[in-house]
Protein backbone atom coordinates (compact mmCIF):
# COMPACT_ATOMS: atom_id res chain seq x y z
CA MET A 1 0.04 0.11 0.04
CA GLU A 2 1.40 3.44 -1.00
CA PHE A 3 0.85 6.56 0.89
CA GLU A 4 1.11 10.15 -0.24
CA ASN A 5 2.86 11.33 3.00
CA TYR A 6 4.89 9.54 5.57
CA LYS A 7 5.67 10.51 9.24
CA ILE A 8 9.05 9.58 10.54
CA ILE A 9 10.21 10.06 14.11
CA LEU A 10 13.71 11.38 14.79
CA ILE A 11 14.98 9.73 18.00
CA GLU A 12 18.03 10.47 19.81
CA LYS A 13 20.51 7.86 20.77
CA ASP A 14 23.03 8.06 23.44
CA GLU A 15 27.00 7.15 22.96
CA GLU A 16 26.17 3.42 23.03
CA GLY A 17 23.65 3.77 20.47
CA LEU A 18 20.84 3.28 22.94
CA PHE A 19 17.34 5.06 22.78
CA LYS A 20 17.62 8.28 24.50
CA SER A 21 14.47 10.20 23.61
CA GLN A 22 11.97 10.87 20.88
CA LEU A 23 12.98 14.35 19.52
CA ASN A 24 10.57 15.30 16.79
CA GLU A 25 8.24 14.12 14.02
CA TYR A 26 8.51 15.02 10.46
CA VAL A 27 6.36 14.64 7.39
CA ILE A 28 8.22 13.39 4.25
CA ASP A 29 6.40 14.06 0.82
CA GLU A 30 6.62 10.47 -0.31
CA ASP A 31 8.98 7.35 -0.69
CA GLY A 32 9.02 6.68 3.07
CA GLU A 33 9.41 3.02 2.22
CA PHE A 34 13.01 3.74 1.63
CA VAL A 35 13.52 4.94 5.20
CA SER A 36 15.15 2.03 7.45
CA SER A 37 16.35 4.25 10.43
CA PHE A 38 16.52 7.94 11.32
CA TYR A 39 18.15 9.10 14.37
CA LYS A 40 20.38 11.70 16.06
CA MET A 41 23.60 10.96 17.87
CA ASN A 42 26.11 13.74 19.00
CA ASP A 43 24.75 16.50 16.87
CA LYS A 44 24.77 14.39 13.69
CA ILE A 45 21.77 12.97 11.88
CA TYR A 46 21.68 9.42 10.63
CA LEU A 47 19.32 8.45 7.86
CA SER A 48 19.38 4.91 6.54
CA LEU A 49 17.94 4.54 3.21
CA SER A 50 17.34 1.02 1.38
CA VAL A 51 15.61 -0.29 -1.80
CA ASP A 52 11.95 -0.49 -2.33
CA LYS A 53 11.74 -3.98 -3.45
CA GLU A 54 12.86 -7.58 -2.86
CA ILE A 55 16.07 -8.05 -4.89
CA LEU A 56 17.89 -11.16 -6.31
CA ASP A 57 21.30 -12.20 -4.90
CA TRP A 58 23.12 -11.17 -8.08
CA GLU A 59 21.43 -7.56 -7.97
CA PHE A 60 22.90 -6.65 -4.70
CA SER A 61 26.48 -5.95 -6.12
CA ALA A 62 25.06 -4.72 -9.17
CA ILE A 63 23.14 -1.96 -7.43
CA TYR A 64 25.99 -0.78 -5.31
CA ASP A 65 28.24 -0.79 -8.59
CA TYR A 66 25.67 1.47 -10.42
CA TYR A 67 24.60 3.68 -7.65
CA ASP A 68 26.11 7.10 -7.88
CA LEU A 69 27.11 8.57 -4.46
CA ASP A 70 28.19 11.76 -6.16
CA LEU A 71 24.79 12.77 -6.84
CA PHE A 72 24.72 13.89 -3.11
CA ASN A 73 27.71 16.10 -3.10
CA GLU A 74 25.73 19.40 -3.00
CA LEU A 75 23.97 18.25 -0.01
CA ASP A 76 26.94 18.17 2.17
CA VAL A 77 26.38 14.59 3.50
CA ASP A 78 28.73 11.64 4.09
CA ILE A 79 27.41 8.46 2.77
CA PHE A 80 28.42 4.74 3.74
CA GLU A 81 27.29 1.66 1.91
CA ASN A 82 26.09 -0.94 4.30
CA ASP A 83 26.72 -4.10 2.58
CA GLU A 84 25.98 -6.26 5.75
CA ASP A 85 22.30 -5.52 5.53
CA PHE A 86 20.04 -8.10 3.68
CA ASN A 87 19.12 -5.48 0.81
CA PRO A 88 21.60 -2.68 -0.13
CA THR A 89 21.44 0.09 2.11
CA TRP A 90 23.08 3.59 2.49
CA SER A 91 23.67 5.51 5.66
CA PHE A 92 23.65 9.39 5.04
CA VAL A 93 25.37 11.18 7.98
CA PHE A 94 25.17 14.97 8.21
CA ASP A 95 24.92 17.87 10.66
CA PHE A 96 21.46 18.66 12.21
CA CYS A 97 19.96 21.76 10.48
CA GLU A 98 16.91 23.77 10.99
CA ASP A 99 15.34 22.65 7.83
CA LEU A 100 15.86 18.98 8.34
CA ASN A 101 12.64 18.16 6.71
CA SER A 102 13.44 19.54 3.63
CA LYS A 103 16.76 17.90 3.49
CA VAL A 104 15.41 14.60 4.11
CA ASN A 105 12.87 15.14 1.33
CA LYS A 106 15.64 16.00 -0.93
CA ILE A 107 17.76 13.06 -0.09
CA LEU A 108 14.94 10.78 -0.54
CA GLU A 109 13.90 12.56 -3.98
CA ILE A 110 17.74 11.98 -5.36
CA HIS A 111 17.66 8.34 -3.95
CA LYS A 112 14.41 7.11 -5.70
CA LYS A 113 15.36 8.63 -8.94
CA GLU A 114 18.87 7.11 -8.71
CA LEU A 115 17.52 3.72 -7.85
CA GLU A 116 15.10 3.89 -10.88
CA GLU A 117 17.98 4.55 -13.25
CA VAL A 118 20.08 1.77 -11.36
CA TYR A 119 17.18 -0.83 -11.83
CA GLU A 120 16.95 -0.02 -15.53
CA ALA A 121 20.83 0.02 -15.90
CA ILE A 122 21.36 -3.42 -14.30
CA LYS A 123 18.05 -5.22 -15.80
CA ASP A 124 20.14 -7.09 -18.53
CA LYS A 125 23.44 -7.50 -16.41
CA GLU A 126 22.45 -10.88 -14.63
CA GLU A 127 25.18 -13.00 -16.29
CA GLU A 128 27.83 -10.38 -15.41
CA TYR A 129 27.20 -10.76 -11.70
CA LYS A 130 26.46 -14.55 -11.45
């Protein structure tokens, strides 16, 4: 089921990564199905995004190979690939900002568009990745 808007809750974690408090609730325009975690720790925001569908084993590496991290350079975020997760996942780390809602929506917009392009680019690459 798709929803037009999603609400995500920003939580604060302590030094050990344990829940400390609920900070705020944000409405994101769409694409909330990509969000796997969203928290603040030591004045940094951590936003983890994944894929929106089940992927095949060969697609895992292909998605990472074709996903362009440079598309996020203008947003002043650090990005890390989490290849230990079940599906491809990226962690975006950045400073807390007043317009956090807008920044998260922009990251999601770029992420969704890039995944659509990656899916198209790898659709005929199965033999290369087996």
